[in-house]
PDB file of N, CA and C in Angstrom:
ATOM      1  N   MET A   1       1.150 -28.367-217.120  1.00  0.00           N
ATOM      2  CA  MET A   1       2.288 -28.199-217.983  1.00  0.00           C
ATOM      3  C   MET A   1       2.017 -27.038-218.923  1.00  0.00           C
ATOM      4  N   THR A   2       3.016 -26.204-219.101  1.00  0.00           N
ATOM      5  CA  THR A   2       2.826 -25.045-219.966  1.00  0.00           C
ATOM      6  C   THR A   2       2.979 -25.451-221.420  1.00  0.00           C
ATOM      7  N   ASP A   3       2.315 -24.700-222.270  1.00  0.00           N
ATOM      8  CA  ASP A   3       2.384 -24.960-223.692  1.00  0.00           C
ATOM      9  C   ASP A   3       3.700 -24.411-224.229  1.00  0.00           C
ATOM     10  N   LEU A   4       4.260 -25.072-225.217  1.00  0.00           N
ATOM     11  CA  LEU A   4       5.527 -24.648-225.795  1.00  0.00           C
ATOM     12  C   LEU A   4       5.293 -23.691-226.957  1.00  0.00           C
ATOM     13  N   THR A   5       6.294 -22.866-227.222  1.00  0.00           N
ATOM     14  CA  THR A   5       6.221 -21.978-228.390  1.00  0.00           C
ATOM     15  C   THR A   5       6.615 -22.782-229.621  1.00  0.00           C
ATOM     16  N   GLU A   6       6.386 -22.199-230.781  1.00  0.00           N
ATOM     17  CA  GLU A   6       6.753 -22.868-232.033  1.00  0.00           C
ATOM     18  C   GLU A   6       8.250 -23.154-232.091  1.00  0.00           C
ATOM     19  N   GLU A   7       9.062 -22.214-231.590  1.00  0.00           N
ATOM     20  CA  GLU A   7      10.508 -22.405-231.597  1.00  0.00           C
ATOM     21  C   GLU A   7      10.905 -23.585-230.705  1.00  0.00           C
ATOM     22  N   GLU A   8      10.255 -23.705-229.546  1.00  0.00           N
ATOM     23  CA  GLU A   8      10.554 -24.812-228.644  1.00  0.00           C
ATOM     24  C   GLU A   8      10.120 -26.147-229.242  1.00  0.00           C
ATOM     25  N   TYR A   9       8.959 -26.164-229.901  1.00  0.00           N
ATOM     26  CA  TYR A   9       8.516 -27.371-230.597  1.00  0.00           C
ATOM     27  C   TYR A   9       9.523 -27.768-231.680  1.00  0.00           C
ATOM     28  N   ASP A  10       9.988 -26.782-232.439  1.00  0.00           N
ATOM     29  CA  ASP A  10      10.949 -27.065-233.508  1.00  0.00           C
ATOM     30  C   ASP A  10      12.267 -27.584-232.933  1.00  0.00           C
ATOM     31  N   ALA A  11      12.707 -27.007-231.828  1.00  0.00           N
ATOM     32  CA  ALA A  11      13.960 -27.454-231.207  1.00  0.00           C
ATOM     33  C   ALA A  11      13.837 -28.899-230.713  1.00  0.00           C
ATOM     34  N   LEU A  12      12.715 -29.241-230.076  1.00  0.00           N
ATOM     35  CA  LEU A  12      12.511 -30.613-229.618  1.00  0.00           C
ATOM     36  C   LEU A  12      12.409 -31.583-230.782  1.00  0.00           C
ATOM     37  N   ASP A  13      11.711 -31.162-231.833  1.00  0.00           N
ATOM     38  CA  ASP A  13      11.574 -32.013-233.009  1.00  0.00           C
ATOM     39  C   ASP A  13      12.939 -32.280-233.629  1.00  0.00           C
ATOM     40  N   GLU A  14      13.750 -31.250-233.741  1.00  0.00           N
ATOM     41  CA  GLU A  14      15.082 -31.405-234.316  1.00  0.00           C
ATOM     42  C   GLU A  14      15.957 -32.305-233.440  1.00  0.00           C
ATOM     43  N   LYS A  15      15.873 -32.114-232.139  1.00  0.00           N
ATOM     44  CA  LYS A  15      16.680 -32.920-231.214  1.00  0.00           C
ATOM     45  C   LYS A  15      16.347 -34.400-231.344  1.00  0.00           C
ATOM     46  N   TRP A  16      15.065 -34.750-231.292  1.00  0.00           N
ATOM     47  CA  TRP A  16      14.673 -36.154-231.321  1.00  0.00           C
ATOM     48  C   TRP A  16      14.735 -36.755-232.716  1.00  0.00           C
ATOM     49  N   THR A  17      14.719 -35.921-233.745  1.00  0.00           N
ATOM     50  CA  THR A  17      14.868 -36.430-235.109  1.00  0.00           C
ATOM     51  C   THR A  17      16.328 -36.780-235.382  1.00  0.00           C
ATOM     52  N   LYS A  18      17.248 -35.916-234.928  1.00  0.00           N
ATOM     53  CA  LYS A  18      18.667 -36.147-235.160  1.00  0.00           C
ATOM     54  C   LYS A  18      19.234 -37.222-234.231  1.00  0.00           C
ATOM     55  N   ASP A  19      18.734 -37.305-233.001  1.00  0.00           N
ATOM     56  CA  ASP A  19      19.287 -38.243-232.017  1.00  0.00           C
ATOM     57  C   ASP A  19      18.155 -38.950-231.274  1.00  0.00           C
ATOM     58  N   PRO A  20      17.464 -39.889-231.935  1.00  0.00           N
ATOM     59  CA  PRO A  20      16.352 -40.571-231.266  1.00  0.00           C
ATOM     60  C   PRO A  20      16.857 -41.522-230.188  1.00  0.00           C
ATOM     61  N   PRO A  21      16.076 -41.730-229.128  1.00  0.00           N
ATOM     62  CA  PRO A  21      16.484 -42.699-228.113  1.00  0.00           C
ATOM     63  C   PRO A  21      16.445 -44.105-228.717  1.00  0.00           C
ATOM     64  N   GLU A  22      17.484 -44.889-228.416  1.00  0.00           N
ATOM     65  CA  GLU A  22      17.558 -46.226-228.975  1.00  0.00           C
ATOM     66  C   GLU A  22      17.439 -47.255-227.865  1.00  0.00           C
ATOM     67  N   PRO A  23      16.604 -48.258-228.072  1.00  0.00           N
ATOM     68  CA  PRO A  23      16.517 -49.312-227.067  1.00  0.00           C
ATOM     69  C   PRO A  23      17.781 -50.166-227.116  1.00  0.00           C
ATOM     70  N   GLY A  24      18.224 -50.573-225.937  1.00  0.00           N
ATOM     71  CA  GLY A  24      19.401 -51.425-225.876  1.00  0.00           C
ATOM     72  C   GLY A  24      19.016 -52.878-225.675  1.00  0.00           C
ATOM     73  N   PRO A  25      19.935 -53.773-225.922  1.00  0.00           N
ATOM     74  CA  PRO A  25      19.644 -55.190-225.720  1.00  0.00           C
ATOM     75  C   PRO A  25      19.587 -55.538-224.240  1.00  0.00           C
ATOM     76  N   ASN A  26      18.744 -56.475-223.896  1.00  0.00           N
ATOM     77  CA  ASN A  26      18.671 -57.011-222.530  1.00  0.00           C
ATOM     78  C   ASN A  26      18.386 -55.954-221.465  1.00  0.00           C
ATOM     79  N   GLY A  27      17.495 -55.043-221.745  1.00  0.00           N
ATOM     80  CA  GLY A  27      17.085 -54.064-220.742  1.00  0.00           C
ATOM     81  C   GLY A  27      18.087 -52.975-220.466  1.00  0.00           C
ATOM     82  N   THR A  28      18.917 -52.624-221.435  1.00  0.00           N
ATOM     83  CA  THR A  28      19.901 -51.568-221.215  1.00  0.00           C
ATOM     84  C   THR A  28      19.514 -50.263-221.890  1.00  0.00           C
ATOM     85  N   GLY A  29      18.315 -50.189-222.432  1.00  0.00           N
ATOM     86  CA  GLY A  29      17.862 -48.976-223.099  1.00  0.00           C
ATOM     87  C   GLY A  29      17.392 -47.916-222.113  1.00  0.00           C
ATOM     88  N   PHE A  30      17.044 -46.776-222.641  1.00  0.00           N
ATOM     89  CA  PHE A  30      16.649 -45.620-221.835  1.00  0.00           C
ATOM     90  C   PHE A  30      15.475 -45.930-220.923  1.00  0.00           C
ATOM     91  N   PHE A  31      14.402 -46.478-221.481  1.00  0.00           N
ATOM     92  CA  PHE A  31      13.196 -46.703-220.691  1.00  0.00           C
ATOM     93  C   PHE A  31      13.391 -47.818-219.681  1.00  0.00           C
ATOM     94  N   ALA A  32      14.148 -48.841-220.019  1.00  0.00           N
ATOM     95  CA  ALA A  32      14.420 -49.924-219.080  1.00  0.00           C
ATOM     96  C   ALA A  32      15.256 -49.424-217.904  1.00  0.00           C
ATOM     97  N   ARG A  33      16.249 -48.604-218.185  1.00  0.00           N
ATOM     98  CA  ARG A  33      17.071 -48.032-217.094  1.00  0.00           C
ATOM     99  C   ARG A  33      16.227 -47.119-216.215  1.00  0.00           C
ATOM    100  N   ARG A  34      15.363 -46.340-216.825  1.00  0.00           N
ATOM    101  CA  ARG A  34      14.509 -45.434-216.061  1.00  0.00           C
ATOM    102  C   ARG A  34      13.559 -46.211-215.149  1.00  0.00           C
ATOM    103  N   THR A  35      12.979 -47.291-215.655  1.00  0.00           N
ATOM    104  CA  THR A  35      12.094 -48.132-214.860  1.00  0.00           C
ATOM    105  C   THR A  35      12.860 -48.805-213.734  1.00  0.00           C
ATOM    106  N   ALA A  36      14.060 -49.285-214.021  1.00  0.00           N
ATOM    107  CA  ALA A  36      14.882 -49.927-212.990  1.00  0.00           C
ATOM    108  C   ALA A  36      15.272 -48.942-211.904  1.00  0.00           C
ATOM    109  N   ASP A  37      15.602 -47.713-212.286  1.00  0.00           N
ATOM    110  CA  ASP A  37      15.952 -46.688-211.293  1.00  0.00           C
ATOM    111  C   ASP A  37      14.764 -46.372-210.393  1.00  0.00           C
ATOM    112  N   ALA A  38      13.583 -46.270-210.976  1.00  0.00           N
ATOM    113  CA  ALA A  38      12.381 -45.987-210.194  1.00  0.00           C
ATOM    114  C   ALA A  38      12.070 -47.135-209.241  1.00  0.00           C
ATOM    115  N   ALA A  39      12.254 -48.360-209.706  1.00  0.00           N
ATOM    116  CA  ALA A  39      11.988 -49.524-208.862  1.00  0.00           C
ATOM    117  C   ALA A  39      12.977 -49.603-207.710  1.00  0.00           C
ATOM    118  N   ALA A  40      14.211 -49.214-207.958  1.00  0.00           N
ATOM    119  CA  ALA A  40      15.230 -49.265-206.905  1.00  0.00           C
ATOM    120  C   ALA A  40      14.947 -48.248-205.801  1.00  0.00           C
ATOM    121  N   GLN A  41      14.277 -47.167-206.143  1.00  0.00           N
ATOM    122  CA  GLN A  41      13.994 -46.132-205.159  1.00  0.00           C
ATOM    123  C   GLN A  41      12.661 -46.333-204.453  1.00  0.00           C
ATOM    124  N   SER A  42      11.866 -47.248-204.918  1.00  0.00           N
ATOM    125  CA  SER A  42      10.555 -47.436-204.309  1.00  0.00           C
ATOM    126  C   SER A  42      10.640 -48.323-203.079  1.00  0.00           C
ATOM    127  N   ALA A  43       9.633 -48.231-202.248  1.00  0.00           N
ATOM    128  CA  ALA A  43       9.578 -49.029-201.027  1.00  0.00           C
ATOM    129  C   ALA A  43       9.011 -50.400-201.326  1.00  0.00           C
ATOM    130  N   ARG A  44       9.335 -51.339-200.465  1.00  0.00           N
ATOM    131  CA  ARG A  44       8.781 -52.685-200.575  1.00  0.00           C
ATOM    132  C   ARG A  44       7.818 -52.898-199.432  1.00  0.00           C
ATOM    133  N   SER A  45       6.797 -53.678-199.681  1.00  0.00           N
ATOM    134  CA  SER A  45       5.793 -53.957-198.662  1.00  0.00           C
ATOM    135  C   SER A  45       6.092 -55.279-197.979  1.00  0.00           C
ATOM    136  N   ILE A  46       5.842 -55.308-196.690  1.00  0.00           N
ATOM    137  CA  ILE A  46       5.908 -56.553-195.944  1.00  0.00           C
ATOM    138  C   ILE A  46       4.625 -56.676-195.146  1.00  0.00           C
ATOM    139  N   THR A  47       4.281 -57.885-194.776  1.00  0.00           N
ATOM    140  CA  THR A  47       3.059 -58.116-194.024  1.00  0.00           C
ATOM    141  C   THR A  47       3.420 -58.382-192.568  1.00  0.00           C
ATOM    142  N   VAL A  48       2.738 -57.678-191.663  1.00  0.00           N
ATOM    143  CA  VAL A  48       2.923 -57.901-190.233  1.00  0.00           C
ATOM    144  C   VAL A  48       1.555 -58.168-189.620  1.00  0.00           C
ATOM    145  N   ASP A  49       1.574 -58.776-188.443  1.00  0.00           N
ATOM    146  CA  ASP A  49       0.295 -59.052-187.781  1.00  0.00           C
ATOM    147  C   ASP A  49      -0.291 -57.761-187.220  1.00  0.00           C
ATOM    148  N   SER A  50      -1.520 -57.804-186.799  1.00  0.00           N
ATOM    149  CA  SER A  50      -2.211 -56.593-186.345  1.00  0.00           C
ATOM    150  C   SER A  50      -1.595 -56.032-185.070  1.00  0.00           C
ATOM    151  N   PHE A  51      -1.109 -56.891-184.174  1.00  0.00           N
ATOM    152  CA  PHE A  51      -0.474 -56.412-182.947  1.00  0.00           C
ATOM    153  C   PHE A  51       0.767 -55.576-183.276  1.00  0.00           C
ATOM    154  N   THR A  52       1.607 -56.078-184.195  1.00  0.00           N
ATOM    155  CA  THR A  52       2.820 -55.358-184.589  1.00  0.00           C
ATOM    156  C   THR A  52       2.477 -54.055-185.287  1.00  0.00           C
ATOM    157  N   ALA A  53       1.484 -54.083-186.150  1.00  0.00           N
ATOM    158  CA  ALA A  53       1.072 -52.872-186.850  1.00  0.00           C
ATOM    159  C   ALA A  53       0.557 -51.822-185.868  1.00  0.00           C
ATOM    160  N   ASP A  54      -0.244 -52.238-184.901  1.00  0.00           N
ATOM    161  CA  ASP A  54      -0.749 -51.305-183.887  1.00  0.00           C
ATOM    162  C   ASP A  54       0.387 -50.727-183.053  1.00  0.00           C
ATOM    163  N   TYR A  55       1.340 -51.582-182.684  1.00  0.00           N
ATOM    164  CA  TYR A  55       2.489 -51.133-181.886  1.00  0.00           C
ATOM    165  C   TYR A  55       3.301 -50.096-182.657  1.00  0.00           C
ATOM    166  N   LEU A  56       3.605 -50.385-183.921  1.00  0.00           N
ATOM    167  CA  LEU A  56       4.374 -49.439-184.735  1.00  0.00           C
ATOM    168  C   LEU A  56       3.638 -48.120-184.907  1.00  0.00           C
ATOM    169  N   LEU A  57       2.355 -48.203-185.155  1.00  0.00           N
ATOM    170  CA  LEU A  57       1.570 -46.982-185.337  1.00  0.00           C
ATOM    171  C   LEU A  57       1.529 -46.156-184.055  1.00  0.00           C
ATOM    172  N   THR A  58       1.379 -46.829-182.903  1.00  0.00           N
ATOM    173  CA  THR A  58       1.352 -46.122-181.621  1.00  0.00           C
ATOM    174  C   THR A  58       2.684 -45.431-181.342  1.00  0.00           C
ATOM    175  N   ARG A  59       3.785 -46.159-181.571  1.00  0.00           N
ATOM    176  CA  ARG A  59       5.108 -45.559-181.367  1.00  0.00           C
ATOM    177  C   ARG A  59       5.350 -44.410-182.331  1.00  0.00           C
ATOM    178  N   ALA A  60       4.897 -44.558-183.566  1.00  0.00           N
ATOM    179  CA  ALA A  60       5.087 -43.509-184.559  1.00  0.00           C
ATOM    180  C   ALA A  60       4.319 -42.252-184.188  1.00  0.00           C
ATOM    181  N   ILE A  61       3.098 -42.412-183.737  1.00  0.00           N
ATOM    182  CA  ILE A  61       2.297 -41.255-183.331  1.00  0.00           C
ATOM    183  C   ILE A  61       2.932 -40.566-182.133  1.00  0.00           C
ATOM    184  N   ALA A  62       3.394 -41.342-181.155  1.00  0.00           N
ATOM    185  CA  ALA A  62       4.006 -40.766-179.958  1.00  0.00           C
ATOM    186  C   ALA A  62       5.293 -40.015-180.288  1.00  0.00           C
ATOM    187  N   ALA A  63       6.038 -40.491-181.264  1.00  0.00           N
ATOM    188  CA  ALA A  63       7.309 -39.861-181.616  1.00  0.00           C
ATOM    189  C   ALA A  63       7.175 -38.857-182.751  1.00  0.00           C
ATOM    190  N   CYS A  64       5.963 -38.659-183.260  1.00  0.00           N
ATOM    191  CA  CYS A  64       5.714 -37.759-184.397  1.00  0.00           C
ATOM    192  C   CYS A  64       6.567 -38.162-185.602  1.00  0.00           C
ATOM    193  N   LYS A  65       6.593 -39.454-185.877  1.00  0.00           N
ATOM    194  CA  LYS A  65       7.330 -39.998-187.007  1.00  0.00           C
ATOM    195  C   LYS A  65       6.414 -40.924-187.786  1.00  0.00           C
ATOM    196  N   THR A  66       6.925 -41.407-188.900  1.00  0.00           N
ATOM    197  CA  THR A  66       6.182 -42.406-189.666  1.00  0.00           C
ATOM    198  C   THR A  66       6.589 -43.795-189.189  1.00  0.00           C
ATOM    199  N   PRO A  67       5.745 -44.803-189.404  1.00  0.00           N
ATOM    200  CA  PRO A  67       6.143 -46.158-189.019  1.00  0.00           C
ATOM    201  C   PRO A  67       7.439 -46.614-189.690  1.00  0.00           C
ATOM    202  N   SER A  68       7.679 -46.195-190.912  1.00  0.00           N
ATOM    203  CA  SER A  68       8.925 -46.590-191.574  1.00  0.00           C
ATOM    204  C   SER A  68      10.137 -45.975-190.890  1.00  0.00           C
ATOM    205  N   GLU A  69      10.002 -44.767-190.367  1.00  0.00           N
ATOM    206  CA  GLU A  69      11.111 -44.160-189.625  1.00  0.00           C
ATOM    207  C   GLU A  69      11.370 -44.909-188.327  1.00  0.00           C
ATOM    208  N   ILE A  70      10.317 -45.386-187.681  1.00  0.00           N
ATOM    209  CA  ILE A  70      10.471 -46.162-186.448  1.00  0.00           C
ATOM    210  C   ILE A  70      11.228 -47.460-186.741  1.00  0.00           C
ATOM    211  N   ILE A  71      10.935 -48.103-187.835  1.00  0.00           N
ATOM    212  CA  ILE A  71      11.614 -49.345-188.202  1.00  0.00           C
ATOM    213  C   ILE A  71      13.030 -49.070-188.687  1.00  0.00           C
ATOM    214  N   ARG A  72      13.203 -47.997-189.444  1.00  0.00           N
ATOM    215  CA  ARG A  72      14.491 -47.691-190.061  1.00  0.00           C
ATOM    216  C   ARG A  72      15.600 -47.491-189.035  1.00  0.00           C
ATOM    217  N   GLU A  73      15.301 -46.837-187.907  1.00  0.00           N
ATOM    218  CA  GLU A  73      16.340 -46.509-186.924  1.00  0.00           C
ATOM    219  C   GLU A  73      17.042 -47.743-186.358  1.00  0.00           C
ATOM    220  N   PRO A  74      16.333 -48.718-185.774  1.00  0.00           N
ATOM    221  CA  PRO A  74      17.058 -49.880-185.246  1.00  0.00           C
ATOM    222  C   PRO A  74      17.711 -50.741-186.336  1.00  0.00           C
ATOM    223  N   VAL A  75      17.118 -50.759-187.517  1.00  0.00           N
ATOM    224  CA  VAL A  75      17.718 -51.531-188.604  1.00  0.00           C
ATOM    225  C   VAL A  75      19.069 -50.933-188.978  1.00  0.00           C
ATOM    226  N   ARG A  76      19.126 -49.624-189.102  1.00  0.00           N
ATOM    227  CA  ARG A  76      20.396 -48.962-189.449  1.00  0.00           C
ATOM    228  C   ARG A  76      21.410 -49.099-188.324  1.00  0.00           C
ATOM    229  N   GLU A  77      20.958 -49.077-187.079  1.00  0.00           N
ATOM    230  CA  GLU A  77      21.869 -49.278-185.949  1.00  0.00           C
ATOM    231  C   GLU A  77      22.485 -50.677-185.998  1.00  0.00           C
ATOM    232  N   LYS A  78      21.680 -51.681-186.289  1.00  0.00           N
ATOM    233  CA  LYS A  78      22.185 -53.061-186.362  1.00  0.00           C
ATOM    234  C   LYS A  78      23.155 -53.229-187.535  1.00  0.00           C
ATOM    235  N   ILE A  79      22.856 -52.592-188.640  1.00  0.00           N
ATOM    236  CA  ILE A  79      23.756 -52.666-189.790  1.00  0.00           C
ATOM    237  C   ILE A  79      25.081 -51.996-189.442  1.00  0.00           C
ATOM    238  N   ALA A  80      25.020 -50.817-188.821  1.00  0.00           N
ATOM    239  CA  ALA A  80      26.248 -50.113-188.439  1.00  0.00           C
ATOM    240  C   ALA A  80      27.054 -50.912-187.424  1.00  0.00           C
ATOM    241  N   ALA A  81      26.374 -51.580-186.486  1.00  0.00           N
ATOM    242  CA  ALA A  81      27.075 -52.372-185.468  1.00  0.00           C
ATOM    243  C   ALA A  81      27.736 -53.599-186.082  1.00  0.00           C
ATOM    244  N   SER A  82      27.172 -54.130-187.146  1.00  0.00           N
ATOM    245  CA  SER A  82      27.743 -55.326-187.750  1.00  0.00           C
ATOM    246  C   SER A  82      28.929 -55.011-188.655  1.00  0.00           C
ATOM    247  N   LEU A  83      29.088 -53.749-189.023  1.00  0.00           N
ATOM    248  CA  LEU A  83      30.217 -53.373-189.881  1.00  0.00           C
ATOM    249  C   LEU A  83      31.372 -53.101-189.021  1.00  0.00           C
TER     250      LEU A  83
END
């Protein structure tokens, strides 16, 4: 990260002094929303047996994809077919 000039420090100080971030009730504040947004974009882990993991990894290597891409394709097809 680059160092800021005195003018930039003063501008940031003035901005946050005049309009400080305020926490909201029940997780509606800035940091709570930011954490919720990050959690919504993150992946979830599931546990599979070793045979399934080996199969996914083998298919992924053969197709030059990641295991999540191998899983994602049929899941999205099934979702699209059900709509």
